[in-house]
Protein backbone atom coordinates (compact mmCIF):
# COMPACT_ATOMS: atom_id res chain seq x y z
CA MET A 1 -15.01 43.48 -7.72
CA LYS A 2 -15.28 40.68 -4.85
CA ALA A 3 -17.02 37.57 -7.15
CA ASP A 4 -14.13 37.70 -9.71
CA GLU A 5 -11.46 37.39 -6.80
CA ALA A 6 -13.36 35.12 -5.71
CA LEU A 7 -13.88 33.09 -9.09
CA ALA A 8 -10.30 33.67 -10.29
CA ARG A 9 -9.23 32.03 -6.61
CA LEU A 10 -11.31 29.21 -6.82
CA ASN A 11 -10.27 28.61 -10.59
CA ARG A 12 -6.69 28.30 -9.61
CA ALA A 13 -7.46 25.74 -6.85
CA LEU A 14 -9.35 23.68 -9.56
CA ILE A 15 -6.65 23.61 -11.50
CA ASP A 16 -4.52 22.17 -9.13
CA ALA A 17 -6.94 19.56 -8.29
CA SER A 18 -8.37 18.81 -12.02
CA ASP A 19 -5.71 16.18 -12.71
CA ASP A 20 -6.39 14.50 -9.72
CA PHE A 21 -9.94 14.03 -9.77
CA GLY A 22 -10.56 13.87 -13.63
CA PHE A 23 -12.76 16.89 -14.10
CA GLU A 24 -11.95 20.24 -16.71
CA VAL A 25 -11.75 23.66 -15.52
CA ASP A 26 -12.79 26.65 -18.00
CA PHE A 27 -13.03 30.07 -16.68
CA ASN A 28 -14.67 32.25 -19.79
CA ALA A 29 -16.46 35.45 -19.41
CA GLY A 30 -16.39 35.67 -15.81
CA ALA A 31 -18.44 32.06 -15.53
CA LEU A 32 -16.44 28.94 -14.18
CA THR A 33 -17.83 25.59 -15.72
CA ILE A 34 -16.52 22.06 -14.08
CA GLU A 35 -17.09 19.21 -16.33
CA PHE A 36 -16.69 15.66 -15.86
CA ASP A 37 -16.79 12.80 -17.85
CA ASP A 38 -17.45 9.68 -15.57
CA PRO A 39 -20.19 10.10 -14.72
CA PRO A 40 -20.84 13.07 -16.95
CA ALA A 41 -21.96 16.09 -15.44
CA LYS A 42 -21.24 20.03 -15.81
CA PHE A 43 -20.90 22.36 -12.81
CA VAL A 44 -21.85 26.19 -13.35
CA VAL A 45 -20.53 28.46 -10.91
CA SER A 46 -21.29 32.60 -12.07
CA PRO A 47 -21.85 36.07 -10.41
CA ASN A 48 -25.02 37.82 -10.48
CA ALA A 49 -23.64 41.50 -10.24
CA PRO A 50 -27.11 42.93 -9.87
CA VAL A 51 -27.68 41.12 -6.18
CA ARG A 52 -24.05 40.87 -5.43
CA GLN A 53 -24.29 37.26 -5.42
CA ILE A 54 -22.35 34.01 -6.77
CA TRP A 55 -24.73 31.51 -8.02
CA VAL A 56 -23.41 27.61 -8.23
CA SER A 57 -25.58 24.97 -10.57
CA ALA A 58 -24.32 21.73 -9.18
CA LEU A 59 -25.77 18.48 -8.76
CA ALA A 60 -29.11 19.24 -9.94
CA LYS A 61 -29.25 21.98 -7.12
CA SER A 62 -28.76 25.60 -7.43
CA TYR A 63 -26.75 27.47 -4.71
CA LYS A 64 -26.89 31.32 -4.06
CA LEU A 65 -23.89 32.80 -1.95
CA ASP A 66 -23.72 36.13 -0.52
CA TRP A 67 -20.54 37.80 0.65
CA ASP A 68 -19.88 37.47 4.52
CA HIS A 69 -17.80 40.38 6.33
CA VAL A 70 -16.85 38.47 8.86
CA GLU A 71 -15.93 35.54 6.94
CA ALA A 72 -14.54 37.68 4.10
CA ASP A 73 -15.99 34.93 1.26
CA PHE A 74 -19.09 34.31 -0.39
CA VAL A 75 -21.04 32.14 2.39
CA HIS A 76 -24.25 30.01 1.59
CA ALA A 77 -26.49 31.12 4.19
CA ASP A 78 -28.56 28.16 4.43
CA SER A 79 -25.66 25.53 5.26
CA GLY A 80 -22.86 28.42 6.04
CA ASP A 81 -20.31 27.01 3.60
CA THR A 82 -18.17 29.09 2.08
CA LEU A 83 -17.75 29.11 -1.83
CA THR A 84 -14.90 26.80 -1.69
CA GLN A 85 -16.34 24.36 0.67
CA VAL A 86 -20.17 24.08 -1.33
CA ILE A 87 -17.58 23.35 -4.73
CA GLN A 88 -15.58 20.76 -2.64
CA LYS A 89 -18.57 18.92 -1.43
CA ALA A 90 -20.09 18.88 -4.66
CA ILE A 91 -17.11 17.40 -6.63
CA SER A 92 -16.29 15.11 -3.75
CA ARG A 93 -20.21 13.61 -4.50
CA GLN A 94 -19.63 13.63 -8.08
CA VAL A 95 -16.06 11.74 -8.01
CA GLY A 96 -16.92 9.74 -4.87
CA GLU A 97 -14.51 10.53 -2.80
CA GLU A 98 -13.02 13.34 -0.54
CA VAL A 99 -11.52 16.37 -2.44
CA GLU A 100 -9.87 19.14 -0.84
CA LEU A 101 -9.39 22.68 -2.41
């Protein structure tokens, strides 16, 4: 399933960045959580299988990403950002510095 593959890829990238930017990552039961201590926050990235989307809850916003065959990735229709870009921007805003995944 494309969502599972995308979340596993994102999880690996987040684990690599977590120590540098002070957050914790947990990949459990198909959902990915990213937790911050200072300032406190929790982001949730989860598949929504019935509609073939990945949903992201971060910074008091909700993002629904659809599979894009051209990008070969999940993409947010409004911004055109891929899943990794959505998470990268959200983490950057949360920690106050540029994060690259």
